[in-house]
């Protein structure tokens, strides 16, 4: 995994600034799979290991952090098929009261993804810089997204004002 000569080699000097020397820590997971159809499970597990879910709690508009039992039982979003992996959900950098959802296709095939976000009222295909592009059909919070092989897609989503951040 790491190559570290025991003595000076070429321009490499053995000291604390060399990335090839010293103590290294890493995490790994073994995710067995059989067949091409199951490969997406290993890719999703890798994404979850390398990018753990980070979250923060914000008070509701009323000032209370109590969000109710019903909202704790439902998912914030759903994405299918499993060959499409979610890589981030965030507020756009321009400060708009929307969300940006980034995903990518893992199997190298054209795919029709379905993204479901409760409360979504409008959506746009976006560039990596999160600028709004072509509108995406959004009906009852569901969006159909055509994806090319290995494509990374960012979708900007406007939420119903009752669900938007204060």
Protein backbone atom coordinates (compact mmCIF):
# COMPACT_ATOMS: atom_id res chain seq x y z
CA UNK A 1 0.00 0.00 0.00
CA UNK A 2 2.83 2.41 0.82
CA UNK A 3 6.35 2.57 -0.57
CA UNK A 4 8.91 4.13 1.75
CA UNK A 5 12.63 3.60 1.10
CA UNK A 6 14.58 3.00 4.31
CA UNK A 7 17.24 5.55 3.33
CA UNK A 8 17.47 8.70 1.23
CA UNK A 9 16.57 7.90 -2.34
CA UNK A 10 16.94 10.46 -5.10
CA UNK A 11 15.28 13.65 -3.90
CA UNK A 12 13.34 11.91 -1.12
CA UNK A 13 14.61 12.82 2.31
CA UNK A 14 13.47 10.78 5.29
CA UNK A 15 11.90 13.39 7.61
CA UNK A 16 8.55 14.37 9.14
CA UNK A 17 7.49 16.27 5.99
CA UNK A 18 7.77 13.25 3.70
CA UNK A 19 4.41 11.63 2.98
CA UNK A 20 6.18 8.32 2.44
CA UNK A 21 7.54 8.06 5.98
CA UNK A 22 6.06 8.02 9.44
CA UNK A 23 2.81 6.58 10.71
CA UNK A 24 -0.10 6.24 8.32
CA UNK A 25 -3.68 5.46 9.22
CA UNK A 26 -6.30 4.19 6.79
CA UNK A 27 -9.70 2.53 6.82
CA UNK A 28 -10.86 -0.22 4.56
CA UNK A 29 -13.83 -2.47 4.18
CA UNK A 30 -14.24 -5.83 2.52
CA UNK A 31 -17.47 -5.96 0.55
CA UNK A 32 -17.85 -9.22 -1.32
CA UNK A 33 -20.05 -9.32 -4.39
CA UNK A 34 -20.71 -11.79 -7.16
CA UNK A 35 -21.53 -10.72 -10.68
CA UNK A 36 -21.83 -7.37 -12.40
CA UNK A 37 -25.32 -6.72 -11.01
CA UNK A 38 -24.02 -6.70 -7.42
CA UNK A 39 -21.08 -4.35 -8.11
CA UNK A 40 -23.23 -1.32 -7.31
CA UNK A 41 -23.50 -2.46 -3.68
CA UNK A 42 -19.69 -2.36 -3.36
CA UNK A 43 -19.53 1.08 -5.00
CA UNK A 44 -22.22 2.44 -2.67
CA UNK A 45 -20.40 0.95 0.35
CA UNK A 46 -17.17 2.65 -0.79
CA UNK A 47 -18.97 6.00 -1.08
CA UNK A 48 -20.43 5.58 2.42
CA UNK A 49 -17.02 4.67 3.89
CA UNK A 50 -15.10 7.47 2.17
CA UNK A 51 -17.78 10.14 2.64
CA UNK A 52 -19.70 9.51 5.85
CA UNK A 53 -22.98 11.35 6.28
CA UNK A 54 -22.48 14.72 7.96
CA UNK A 55 -25.49 16.60 9.25
CA UNK A 56 -26.47 19.48 11.45
CA UNK A 57 -29.69 20.23 13.31
CA UNK A 58 -31.30 23.61 12.75
CA UNK A 59 -34.16 25.05 14.76
CA UNK A 60 -37.54 25.20 13.07
CA UNK A 61 -38.95 28.58 12.00
CA UNK A 62 -40.87 28.69 15.29
CA UNK A 63 -37.57 28.47 17.17
CA UNK A 64 -38.17 24.90 18.35
CA UNK A 65 -35.88 22.03 17.37
CA UNK A 66 -38.77 19.56 17.82
CA UNK A 67 -39.48 18.21 14.35
CA UNK A 68 -42.10 15.64 15.25
CA UNK A 69 -42.14 11.85 15.13
CA UNK A 70 -43.67 11.61 11.63
CA UNK A 71 -40.83 13.53 9.99
CA UNK A 72 -38.27 11.25 11.69
CA UNK A 73 -39.83 8.18 10.03
CA UNK A 74 -39.50 9.35 6.43
CA UNK A 75 -36.45 9.77 4.29
CA UNK A 76 -35.36 13.19 3.08
CA UNK A 77 -34.84 11.74 -0.39
CA UNK A 78 -34.89 8.53 -2.39
CA UNK A 79 -32.71 7.74 -5.40
CA UNK A 80 -32.94 4.80 -7.77
CA UNK A 81 -31.71 2.61 -9.40
CA UNK A 82 -28.87 1.40 -7.16
CA UNK A 83 -26.35 2.02 -9.95
CA UNK A 84 -26.78 5.76 -9.28
CA UNK A 85 -24.96 6.85 -6.13
CA UNK A 86 -25.67 9.99 -4.12
CA UNK A 87 -22.48 11.96 -3.47
CA UNK A 88 -23.75 15.13 -1.78
CA UNK A 89 -26.74 17.17 -0.64
CA UNK A 90 -26.00 20.77 0.21
CA UNK A 91 -27.17 24.34 0.14
CA UNK A 92 -26.03 26.02 -3.08
CA UNK A 93 -23.02 28.33 -2.79
CA UNK A 94 -25.04 31.31 -4.08
CA UNK A 95 -27.17 31.38 -0.89
CA UNK A 96 -30.49 30.55 -2.58
CA UNK A 97 -33.01 28.80 -0.34
CA UNK A 98 -32.74 25.62 -2.40
CA UNK A 99 -30.73 22.42 -2.25
CA UNK A 100 -28.17 20.97 -4.64
CA UNK A 101 -28.11 17.19 -5.00
CA UNK A 102 -25.13 15.56 -6.73
CA UNK A 103 -25.13 11.97 -7.96
CA UNK A 104 -23.19 9.78 -10.39
CA UNK A 105 -23.80 6.71 -12.55
CA UNK A 106 -21.52 3.75 -11.67
CA UNK A 107 -22.11 0.96 -14.20
CA UNK A 108 -21.09 2.68 -17.43
CA UNK A 109 -24.54 2.52 -19.02
CA UNK A 110 -27.25 5.04 -19.93
CA UNK A 111 -29.64 5.16 -17.00
CA UNK A 112 -32.97 6.75 -16.16
CA UNK A 113 -32.63 7.78 -12.51
CA UNK A 114 -35.52 8.76 -10.28
CA UNK A 115 -34.94 11.26 -7.52
CA UNK A 116 -37.70 11.82 -4.99
CA UNK A 117 -37.53 14.76 -2.57
CA UNK A 118 -40.67 15.44 -0.50
CA UNK A 119 -41.66 19.08 -0.87
CA UNK A 120 -39.73 19.63 -4.12
CA UNK A 121 -41.68 21.99 -6.38
CA UNK A 122 -39.13 22.89 -9.10
CA UNK A 123 -35.82 21.45 -10.27
CA UNK A 124 -33.06 22.30 -12.72
CA UNK A 125 -30.18 20.37 -14.11
CA UNK A 126 -27.13 22.23 -12.92
CA UNK A 127 -23.48 22.58 -13.79
CA UNK A 128 -20.82 21.51 -11.33
CA UNK A 129 -20.62 25.18 -10.26
CA UNK A 130 -24.35 24.85 -9.35
CA UNK A 131 -25.62 27.35 -11.94
CA UNK A 132 -29.17 26.54 -13.01
CA UNK A 133 -29.50 24.97 -16.42
CA UNK A 134 -32.38 23.21 -18.16
CA UNK A 135 -35.53 22.63 -16.08
CA UNK A 136 -36.20 19.07 -14.91
CA UNK A 137 -39.76 17.81 -14.71
CA UNK A 138 -40.80 17.75 -11.05
CA UNK A 139 -44.18 16.23 -10.19
CA UNK A 140 -45.16 15.45 -6.57
CA UNK A 141 -41.51 15.77 -5.57
CA UNK A 142 -40.34 13.18 -8.14
CA UNK A 143 -37.81 13.90 -10.87
CA UNK A 144 -36.75 11.66 -13.78
CA UNK A 145 -33.12 12.24 -14.76
CA UNK A 146 -31.50 10.77 -17.87
CA UNK A 147 -27.85 9.94 -17.17
CA UNK A 148 -24.99 9.04 -19.49
CA UNK A 149 -22.43 6.35 -18.57
CA UNK A 150 -20.37 7.44 -15.54
CA UNK A 151 -21.95 10.90 -15.65
CA UNK A 152 -21.91 13.19 -12.61
CA UNK A 153 -25.17 15.16 -12.35
CA UNK A 154 -26.08 18.05 -10.08
CA UNK A 155 -29.76 18.95 -9.62
CA UNK A 156 -30.86 22.25 -8.04
CA UNK A 157 -34.16 21.85 -6.22
CA UNK A 158 -36.59 24.49 -4.93
CA UNK A 159 -38.63 23.29 -1.97
CA UNK A 160 -42.08 24.30 -0.86
CA UNK A 161 -41.59 27.39 1.33
CA UNK A 162 -42.92 25.49 4.35
CA UNK A 163 -39.94 23.12 4.07
CA UNK A 164 -37.26 25.63 3.05
CA UNK A 165 -34.59 26.76 5.52
CA UNK A 166 -35.45 29.88 7.52
